[in-house]
Amino acid sequence: MAPLIALIAGTALARLAGLAGIAALDGWIPALRVGLAVMFTLTAVAHFAGPRRAGLIAMVPPRLPRPDLLVTVTGVLELVGAIGLLLPATARVAAAGLGLLMLAMFPANVSAARRQLTLAGRPVTPLAQRTALQILFVAAATVISFGA
């Protein structure tokens, strides 16, 4: 739920900043870029340390090699993508890349839900709810990629 809150709050605050006169944030697409960047920064941090890292490593489907390396690489890609979202010249490509990354990582969410894993001591998001969230997040990336 924290990523959804980060997306909504980041977008809303950026939009308010745009309405307050910050020209770079004047519009819903620029605000959505900020919200998605905030969300990916939040999720990326979990890839590098603490109890969430161990949970993310456990989420990697067992058939994939080096889950620790995969978690680190996806965290780096999320951070690079978040930075790319904030740069107008790279925002569309970054959003497309992050959308593809979310699709590539979705099987880990499915695997975790089916195996009833925990993340930082809490059950992972149930599959139906996770699927709805994933659709929303990919839709946000798609709007940025193809939006005006």
C-alpha atoms as a PDB file:
ATOM      1  CA  MET A   1       0.000   0.000   0.000  1.00  0.00           C
ATOM      2  CA  ALA A   2       2.938   2.342   0.624  1.00  0.00           C
ATOM      3  CA  PRO A   3       3.812   2.526  -3.105  1.00  0.00           C
ATOM      4  CA  LEU A   4       0.229   3.539  -3.931  1.00  0.00           C
ATOM      5  CA  ILE A   5       0.288   6.216  -1.238  1.00  0.00           C
ATOM      6  CA  ALA A   6       3.649   7.458  -2.535  1.00  0.00           C
ATOM      7  CA  LEU A   7       2.280   7.643  -6.084  1.00  0.00           C
ATOM      8  CA  ILE A   8      -0.870   9.508  -5.065  1.00  0.00           C
ATOM      9  CA  ALA A   9       0.786  11.856  -2.562  1.00  0.00           C
ATOM     10  CA  GLY A  10       3.751  12.593  -4.830  1.00  0.00           C
ATOM     11  CA  THR A  11       1.479  13.328  -7.762  1.00  0.00           C
ATOM     12  CA  ALA A  12      -0.888  15.493  -5.709  1.00  0.00           C
ATOM     13  CA  LEU A  13       1.913  17.522  -4.116  1.00  0.00           C
ATOM     14  CA  ALA A  14       3.632  18.026  -7.461  1.00  0.00           C
ATOM     15  CA  ARG A  15       0.357  19.130  -9.026  1.00  0.00           C
ATOM     16  CA  LEU A  16      -0.209  21.597  -6.188  1.00  0.00           C
ATOM     17  CA  ALA A  17       3.304  22.940  -6.745  1.00  0.00           C
ATOM     18  CA  GLY A  18       2.454  23.381 -10.414  1.00  0.00           C
ATOM     19  CA  LEU A  19      -0.721  25.249  -9.536  1.00  0.00           C
ATOM     20  CA  ALA A  20       1.314  27.401  -7.154  1.00  0.00           C
ATOM     21  CA  GLY A  21       3.470  28.582 -10.027  1.00  0.00           C
ATOM     22  CA  ILE A  22       6.248  26.054 -10.561  1.00  0.00           C
ATOM     23  CA  ALA A  23       6.139  25.940 -14.345  1.00  0.00           C
ATOM     24  CA  ALA A  24       7.916  22.573 -14.679  1.00  0.00           C
ATOM     25  CA  LEU A  25       5.065  20.936 -12.745  1.00  0.00           C
ATOM     26  CA  ASP A  26       2.223  22.732 -14.487  1.00  0.00           C
ATOM     27  CA  GLY A  27       0.095  19.840 -15.701  1.00  0.00           C
ATOM     28  CA  TRP A  28      -0.969  16.345 -14.726  1.00  0.00           C
ATOM     29  CA  ILE A  29       1.692  14.521 -16.747  1.00  0.00           C
ATOM     30  CA  PRO A  30       4.631  16.314 -15.082  1.00  0.00           C
ATOM     31  CA  ALA A  31       2.981  15.769 -11.690  1.00  0.00           C
ATOM     32  CA  LEU A  32       2.459  12.084 -12.451  1.00  0.00           C
ATOM     33  CA  ARG A  33       6.139  11.804 -13.413  1.00  0.00           C
ATOM     34  CA  VAL A  34       7.062  13.105  -9.959  1.00  0.00           C
ATOM     35  CA  GLY A  35       4.591  10.791  -8.237  1.00  0.00           C
ATOM     36  CA  LEU A  36       5.913   7.748 -10.082  1.00  0.00           C
ATOM     37  CA  ALA A  37       9.493   8.816  -9.334  1.00  0.00           C
ATOM     38  CA  VAL A  38       8.655   9.075  -5.636  1.00  0.00           C
ATOM     39  CA  MET A  39       7.039   5.641  -5.745  1.00  0.00           C
ATOM     40  CA  PHE A  40      10.022   4.020  -7.450  1.00  0.00           C
ATOM     41  CA  THR A  41      12.488   5.710  -5.124  1.00  0.00           C
ATOM     42  CA  LEU A  42      10.561   4.300  -2.176  1.00  0.00           C
ATOM     43  CA  THR A  43      10.399   0.796  -3.606  1.00  0.00           C
ATOM     44  CA  ALA A  44      14.032   0.845  -4.756  1.00  0.00           C
ATOM     45  CA  VAL A  45      15.360   1.579  -1.273  1.00  0.00           C
ATOM     46  CA  ALA A  46      13.978  -1.756  -0.058  1.00  0.00           C
ATOM     47  CA  HIS A  47      16.198  -3.567  -2.567  1.00  0.00           C
ATOM     48  CA  PHE A  48      19.414  -2.639  -0.788  1.00  0.00           C
ATOM     49  CA  ALA A  49      19.158  -3.182   2.968  1.00  0.00           C
ATOM     50  CA  GLY A  50      17.040  -4.256   5.890  1.00  0.00           C
ATOM     51  CA  PRO A  51      14.343  -6.853   6.337  1.00  0.00           C
ATOM     52  CA  ARG A  52      12.584  -5.932   3.105  1.00  0.00           C
ATOM     53  CA  ARG A  53      15.653  -6.948   1.076  1.00  0.00           C
ATOM     54  CA  ALA A  54      15.533 -10.459   2.512  1.00  0.00           C
ATOM     55  CA  GLY A  55      11.827 -10.639   1.717  1.00  0.00           C
ATOM     56  CA  LEU A  56      12.386  -9.438  -1.846  1.00  0.00           C
ATOM     57  CA  ILE A  57      15.112 -12.032  -2.344  1.00  0.00           C
ATOM     58  CA  ALA A  58      12.721 -14.716  -1.108  1.00  0.00           C
ATOM     59  CA  MET A  59      10.072 -13.486  -3.565  1.00  0.00           C
ATOM     60  CA  VAL A  60      12.227 -14.269  -6.601  1.00  0.00           C
ATOM     61  CA  PRO A  61      10.867 -17.434  -8.203  1.00  0.00           C
ATOM     62  CA  PRO A  62      13.067 -20.384  -7.177  1.00  0.00           C
ATOM     63  CA  ARG A  63      13.914 -21.296 -10.781  1.00  0.00           C
ATOM     64  CA  LEU A  64      15.802 -18.015 -11.313  1.00  0.00           C
ATOM     65  CA  PRO A  65      19.515 -17.871 -10.465  1.00  0.00           C
ATOM     66  CA  ARG A  66      21.132 -15.406  -8.054  1.00  0.00           C
ATOM     67  CA  PRO A  67      18.023 -13.856  -6.514  1.00  0.00           C
ATOM     68  CA  ASP A  68      20.236 -11.514  -4.473  1.00  0.00           C
ATOM     69  CA  LEU A  69      21.792 -10.115  -7.645  1.00  0.00           C
ATOM     70  CA  LEU A  70      18.401  -9.845  -9.369  1.00  0.00           C
ATOM     71  CA  VAL A  71      17.023  -7.837  -6.436  1.00  0.00           C
ATOM     72  CA  THR A  72      20.029  -5.508  -6.507  1.00  0.00           C
ATOM     73  CA  VAL A  73      19.834  -5.014 -10.278  1.00  0.00           C
ATOM     74  CA  THR A  74      16.105  -4.294 -10.198  1.00  0.00           C
ATOM     75  CA  GLY A  75      16.661  -1.801  -7.384  1.00  0.00           C
ATOM     76  CA  VAL A  76      19.308   0.002  -9.435  1.00  0.00           C
ATOM     77  CA  LEU A  77      17.000   0.014 -12.465  1.00  0.00           C
ATOM     78  CA  GLU A  78      14.191   1.465 -10.359  1.00  0.00           C
ATOM     79  CA  LEU A  79      16.452   4.274  -9.121  1.00  0.00           C
ATOM     80  CA  VAL A  80      17.779   5.032 -12.599  1.00  0.00           C
ATOM     81  CA  GLY A  81      14.216   5.019 -13.905  1.00  0.00           C
ATOM     82  CA  ALA A  82      13.057   7.358 -11.131  1.00  0.00           C
ATOM     83  CA  ILE A  83      15.787   9.834 -12.043  1.00  0.00           C
ATOM     84  CA  GLY A  84      14.908   9.466 -15.719  1.00  0.00           C
ATOM     85  CA  LEU A  85      11.277  10.322 -14.974  1.00  0.00           C
ATOM     86  CA  LEU A  86      12.346  13.669 -13.557  1.00  0.00           C
ATOM     87  CA  LEU A  87      14.262  14.692 -16.664  1.00  0.00           C
ATOM     88  CA  PRO A  88      11.933  15.850 -19.455  1.00  0.00           C
ATOM     89  CA  ALA A  89      14.300  14.577 -22.151  1.00  0.00           C
ATOM     90  CA  THR A  90      14.263  11.019 -20.782  1.00  0.00           C
ATOM     91  CA  ALA A  91      10.883  10.806 -19.046  1.00  0.00           C
ATOM     92  CA  ARG A  92       9.025   8.925 -21.780  1.00  0.00           C
ATOM     93  CA  VAL A  93      11.758   6.337 -22.260  1.00  0.00           C
ATOM     94  CA  ALA A  94      12.204   5.954 -18.495  1.00  0.00           C
ATOM     95  CA  ALA A  95       8.473   5.429 -18.026  1.00  0.00           C
ATOM     96  CA  ALA A  96       8.394   2.819 -20.791  1.00  0.00           C
ATOM     97  CA  GLY A  97      11.373   1.040 -19.276  1.00  0.00           C
ATOM     98  CA  LEU A  98       9.822   1.067 -15.813  1.00  0.00           C
ATOM     99  CA  GLY A  99       6.552  -0.240 -17.225  1.00  0.00           C
ATOM    100  CA  LEU A 100       8.411  -3.140 -18.813  1.00  0.00           C
ATOM    101  CA  LEU A 101      10.360  -3.698 -15.599  1.00  0.00           C
ATOM    102  CA  MET A 102       7.112  -3.920 -13.621  1.00  0.00           C
ATOM    103  CA  LEU A 103       5.786  -6.483 -16.077  1.00  0.00           C
ATOM    104  CA  ALA A 104       9.013  -8.480 -15.833  1.00  0.00           C
ATOM    105  CA  MET A 105       8.912  -8.437 -12.027  1.00  0.00           C
ATOM    106  CA  PHE A 106       5.232  -9.332 -11.736  1.00  0.00           C
ATOM    107  CA  PRO A 107       5.891 -13.106 -11.749  1.00  0.00           C
ATOM    108  CA  ALA A 108       7.820 -12.624  -8.497  1.00  0.00           C
ATOM    109  CA  ASN A 109       4.672 -11.131  -6.954  1.00  0.00           C
ATOM    110  CA  VAL A 110       2.618 -14.047  -8.229  1.00  0.00           C
ATOM    111  CA  SER A 111       5.160 -16.526  -6.875  1.00  0.00           C
ATOM    112  CA  ALA A 112       5.274 -14.785  -3.496  1.00  0.00           C
ATOM    113  CA  ALA A 113       1.497 -14.742  -3.178  1.00  0.00           C
ATOM    114  CA  ARG A 114       1.192 -18.398  -4.131  1.00  0.00           C
ATOM    115  CA  ARG A 115       3.918 -19.374  -1.668  1.00  0.00           C
ATOM    116  CA  GLN A 116       2.302 -17.178   1.037  1.00  0.00           C
ATOM    117  CA  LEU A 117       5.548 -15.358   1.780  1.00  0.00           C
ATOM    118  CA  THR A 118       6.042 -12.411   4.074  1.00  0.00           C
ATOM    119  CA  LEU A 119       7.764  -9.113   3.468  1.00  0.00           C
ATOM    120  CA  ALA A 120       9.266  -7.453   6.538  1.00  0.00           C
ATOM    121  CA  GLY A 121       7.160  -9.721   8.743  1.00  0.00           C
ATOM    122  CA  ARG A 122       3.862  -8.997   6.999  1.00  0.00           C
ATOM    123  CA  PRO A 123       2.097 -11.184   4.434  1.00  0.00           C
ATOM    124  CA  VAL A 124       2.729 -10.125   0.850  1.00  0.00           C
ATOM    125  CA  THR A 125      -0.117  -8.340  -0.885  1.00  0.00           C
ATOM    126  CA  PRO A 126      -2.809 -10.811  -1.986  1.00  0.00           C
ATOM    127  CA  LEU A 127      -2.638 -11.583  -5.685  1.00  0.00           C
ATOM    128  CA  ALA A 128      -5.920  -9.927  -6.724  1.00  0.00           C
ATOM    129  CA  GLN A 129      -5.011  -6.694  -4.950  1.00  0.00           C
ATOM    130  CA  ARG A 130      -1.439  -6.839  -6.258  1.00  0.00           C
ATOM    131  CA  THR A 131      -2.720  -7.347  -9.804  1.00  0.00           C
ATOM    132  CA  ALA A 132      -4.995  -4.298  -9.529  1.00  0.00           C
ATOM    133  CA  LEU A 133      -2.110  -2.209  -8.180  1.00  0.00           C
ATOM    134  CA  GLN A 134       0.187  -3.449 -10.925  1.00  0.00           C
ATOM    135  CA  ILE A 135      -2.354  -2.457 -13.575  1.00  0.00           C
ATOM    136  CA  LEU A 136      -2.575   1.017 -12.034  1.00  0.00           C
ATOM    137  CA  PHE A 137       1.208   1.425 -11.858  1.00  0.00           C
ATOM    138  CA  VAL A 138       1.747   0.209 -15.427  1.00  0.00           C
ATOM    139  CA  ALA A 139      -1.081   2.498 -16.576  1.00  0.00           C
ATOM    140  CA  ALA A 140       0.651   5.477 -14.933  1.00  0.00           C
ATOM    141  CA  ALA A 141       3.879   4.604 -16.741  1.00  0.00           C
ATOM    142  CA  THR A 142       1.956   4.204 -20.002  1.00  0.00           C
ATOM    143  CA  VAL A 143       0.303   7.601 -19.630  1.00  0.00           C
ATOM    144  CA  ILE A 144       3.728   9.185 -19.195  1.00  0.00           C
ATOM    145  CA  SER A 145       5.189   7.244 -22.126  1.00  0.00           C
ATOM    146  CA  PHE A 146       2.415   8.117 -24.554  1.00  0.00           C
ATOM    147  CA  GLY A 147       0.802  11.169 -22.939  1.00  0.00           C
ATOM    148  CA  ALA A 148       0.964  14.691 -24.276  1.00  0.00           C
END
